[in-house]
């Protein structure tokens, strides 16, 4: 199972993920640093095929 940080890195560059999600590159880098993707972005990650909702939830539960 991947961590949130690994999921973000696999989705592309921080710049590309930031542009797609409409947030700053600093925000995406903070997700990687904290190993936590905010839940309000999970559906978009799933729609883009970057991760399933189940994978995101399991990664969040393990990090808690």
N, C-alpha and C. Protein backbone atom coordinates (compact mmCIF):
# COMPACT_ATOMS: atom_id res chain seq x y z
N UNK A 1 0.84 -1.18 0.00
CA UNK A 1 0.00 0.00 0.00
C UNK A 1 0.88 1.24 0.00
N UNK A 2 0.50 2.22 -0.80
CA UNK A 2 1.24 3.47 -0.90
C UNK A 2 0.78 4.46 0.17
N UNK A 3 1.69 5.35 0.51
CA UNK A 3 1.35 6.45 1.41
C UNK A 3 0.80 7.61 0.57
N UNK A 4 0.23 8.58 1.23
CA UNK A 4 -0.26 9.75 0.51
C UNK A 4 0.88 10.45 -0.22
N UNK A 5 2.03 10.52 0.40
CA UNK A 5 3.19 11.14 -0.24
C UNK A 5 3.55 10.40 -1.53
N UNK A 6 3.56 9.09 -1.48
CA UNK A 6 3.87 8.29 -2.67
C UNK A 6 2.82 8.47 -3.75
N UNK A 7 1.57 8.60 -3.36
CA UNK A 7 0.48 8.81 -4.32
C UNK A 7 0.67 10.13 -5.04
N UNK A 8 0.97 11.19 -4.29
CA UNK A 8 1.18 12.51 -4.90
C UNK A 8 2.36 12.45 -5.86
N UNK A 9 3.46 11.86 -5.43
CA UNK A 9 4.65 11.77 -6.28
C UNK A 9 4.36 11.00 -7.56
N UNK A 10 3.58 9.93 -7.47
CA UNK A 10 3.24 9.12 -8.64
C UNK A 10 2.29 9.85 -9.59
N UNK A 11 1.55 10.83 -9.08
CA UNK A 11 0.60 11.58 -9.90
C UNK A 11 1.30 12.54 -10.86
N UNK A 12 2.54 12.86 -10.58
CA UNK A 12 3.29 13.78 -11.45
C UNK A 12 4.07 14.76 -10.63
N UNK A 13 4.56 15.78 -11.29
CA UNK A 13 5.32 16.80 -10.57
C UNK A 13 4.40 17.58 -9.64
N UNK A 14 4.98 18.17 -8.64
CA UNK A 14 4.20 19.00 -7.72
C UNK A 14 3.50 20.12 -8.49
N UNK A 15 4.19 20.66 -9.48
CA UNK A 15 3.62 21.74 -10.29
C UNK A 15 2.40 21.26 -11.07
N UNK A 16 2.50 20.07 -11.67
CA UNK A 16 1.39 19.54 -12.46
C UNK A 16 0.18 19.21 -11.58
N UNK A 17 0.44 18.61 -10.43
CA UNK A 17 -0.66 18.29 -9.51
C UNK A 17 -1.31 19.58 -9.00
N UNK A 18 -0.50 20.56 -8.68
CA UNK A 18 -1.03 21.84 -8.20
C UNK A 18 -1.92 22.50 -9.25
N UNK A 19 -1.46 22.50 -10.48
CA UNK A 19 -2.25 23.11 -11.55
C UNK A 19 -3.57 22.38 -11.74
N UNK A 20 -3.51 21.06 -11.74
CA UNK A 20 -4.73 20.27 -11.93
C UNK A 20 -5.71 20.47 -10.79
N UNK A 21 -5.21 20.61 -9.57
CA UNK A 21 -6.08 20.74 -8.40
C UNK A 21 -6.42 22.19 -8.07
N UNK A 22 -5.80 23.14 -8.73
CA UNK A 22 -6.12 24.55 -8.48
C UNK A 22 -5.59 25.06 -7.15
N UNK A 23 -4.45 24.52 -6.74
CA UNK A 23 -3.79 24.95 -5.51
C UNK A 23 -2.36 25.35 -5.84
N UNK A 24 -1.66 25.91 -4.88
CA UNK A 24 -0.28 26.30 -5.13
C UNK A 24 0.64 25.09 -5.05
N UNK A 25 1.79 25.22 -5.70
CA UNK A 25 2.78 24.16 -5.65
C UNK A 25 3.25 23.96 -4.21
N UNK A 26 3.27 25.01 -3.42
CA UNK A 26 3.66 24.90 -2.02
C UNK A 26 2.67 24.03 -1.24
N UNK A 27 1.40 24.15 -1.60
CA UNK A 27 0.37 23.32 -0.96
C UNK A 27 0.61 21.84 -1.25
N UNK A 28 0.87 21.53 -2.51
CA UNK A 28 1.11 20.13 -2.88
C UNK A 28 2.37 19.61 -2.19
N UNK A 29 3.40 20.42 -2.14
CA UNK A 29 4.62 19.99 -1.46
C UNK A 29 4.38 19.76 0.03
N UNK A 30 3.49 20.54 0.62
CA UNK A 30 3.17 20.33 2.04
C UNK A 30 2.41 19.02 2.22
N UNK A 31 1.56 18.65 1.24
CA UNK A 31 0.88 17.36 1.32
C UNK A 31 1.91 16.24 1.37
N UNK A 32 2.93 16.35 0.51
CA UNK A 32 3.97 15.31 0.47
C UNK A 32 4.76 15.30 1.78
N UNK A 33 5.11 16.47 2.26
CA UNK A 33 5.90 16.56 3.49
C UNK A 33 5.14 16.02 4.69
N UNK A 34 3.85 16.35 4.77
CA UNK A 34 3.02 15.88 5.89
C UNK A 34 2.48 14.47 5.67
N UNK A 35 2.65 13.97 4.43
CA UNK A 35 2.12 12.65 4.05
C UNK A 35 0.61 12.60 4.26
N UNK A 36 -0.05 13.66 3.76
CA UNK A 36 -1.50 13.76 3.98
C UNK A 36 -2.15 14.59 2.87
N UNK A 37 -3.02 13.95 2.12
CA UNK A 37 -3.82 14.64 1.11
C UNK A 37 -5.15 14.98 1.76
N UNK A 38 -5.55 16.25 1.77
CA UNK A 38 -6.83 16.60 2.38
C UNK A 38 -8.00 15.85 1.72
N UNK A 39 -8.94 15.43 2.52
CA UNK A 39 -10.06 14.60 2.05
C UNK A 39 -10.84 15.27 0.93
N UNK A 40 -10.90 16.59 0.90
CA UNK A 40 -11.67 17.26 -0.15
C UNK A 40 -11.04 17.09 -1.54
N UNK A 41 -9.84 16.58 -1.62
CA UNK A 41 -9.17 16.34 -2.90
C UNK A 41 -9.19 14.86 -3.31
N UNK A 42 -9.67 14.00 -2.44
CA UNK A 42 -9.65 12.57 -2.72
C UNK A 42 -10.45 12.20 -3.97
N UNK A 43 -11.62 12.75 -4.13
CA UNK A 43 -12.46 12.40 -5.28
C UNK A 43 -11.76 12.75 -6.59
N UNK A 44 -11.07 13.87 -6.62
CA UNK A 44 -10.35 14.27 -7.83
C UNK A 44 -9.18 13.32 -8.09
N UNK A 45 -8.49 12.90 -7.04
CA UNK A 45 -7.40 11.94 -7.21
C UNK A 45 -7.94 10.64 -7.79
N UNK A 46 -9.10 10.22 -7.32
CA UNK A 46 -9.72 9.00 -7.83
C UNK A 46 -10.18 9.18 -9.27
N UNK A 47 -10.81 10.31 -9.58
CA UNK A 47 -11.27 10.58 -10.96
C UNK A 47 -10.11 10.57 -11.94
N UNK A 48 -8.97 11.08 -11.52
CA UNK A 48 -7.79 11.15 -12.39
C UNK A 48 -7.06 9.81 -12.48
N UNK A 49 -7.52 8.84 -11.71
CA UNK A 49 -6.88 7.53 -11.73
C UNK A 49 -5.56 7.48 -10.97
N UNK A 50 -5.33 8.47 -10.12
CA UNK A 50 -4.08 8.53 -9.36
C UNK A 50 -4.13 7.59 -8.16
N UNK A 51 -5.31 7.33 -7.63
CA UNK A 51 -5.49 6.44 -6.48
C UNK A 51 -6.98 6.17 -6.33
N UNK A 52 -7.30 5.06 -5.72
CA UNK A 52 -8.71 4.79 -5.43
C UNK A 52 -9.07 5.44 -4.09
N UNK A 53 -10.36 5.62 -3.89
CA UNK A 53 -10.80 6.17 -2.61
C UNK A 53 -10.41 5.23 -1.47
N UNK A 54 -10.50 3.94 -1.72
CA UNK A 54 -10.10 2.96 -0.69
C UNK A 54 -8.62 3.10 -0.34
N UNK A 55 -7.78 3.25 -1.36
CA UNK A 55 -6.35 3.40 -1.09
C UNK A 55 -6.06 4.66 -0.29
N UNK A 56 -6.73 5.75 -0.65
CA UNK A 56 -6.53 7.00 0.09
C UNK A 56 -6.98 6.87 1.54
N UNK A 57 -8.12 6.22 1.75
CA UNK A 57 -8.64 6.04 3.11
C UNK A 57 -7.73 5.13 3.94
N UNK A 58 -7.25 4.05 3.34
CA UNK A 58 -6.35 3.16 4.07
C UNK A 58 -5.04 3.85 4.45
N UNK A 59 -4.51 4.64 3.52
CA UNK A 59 -3.27 5.36 3.80
C UNK A 59 -3.49 6.38 4.92
N UNK A 60 -4.64 7.05 4.92
CA UNK A 60 -4.93 8.02 5.97
C UNK A 60 -5.08 7.32 7.32
N UNK A 61 -5.72 6.17 7.32
CA UNK A 61 -5.92 5.44 8.57
C UNK A 61 -4.60 4.94 9.14
N UNK A 62 -3.70 4.49 8.28
CA UNK A 62 -2.40 4.00 8.76
C UNK A 62 -1.55 5.14 9.30
N UNK A 63 -1.72 6.34 8.73
CA UNK A 63 -0.92 7.49 9.16
C UNK A 63 -1.41 8.04 10.50
N UNK A 64 -2.65 7.75 10.84
CA UNK A 64 -3.25 8.31 12.06
C UNK A 64 -2.73 7.64 13.32
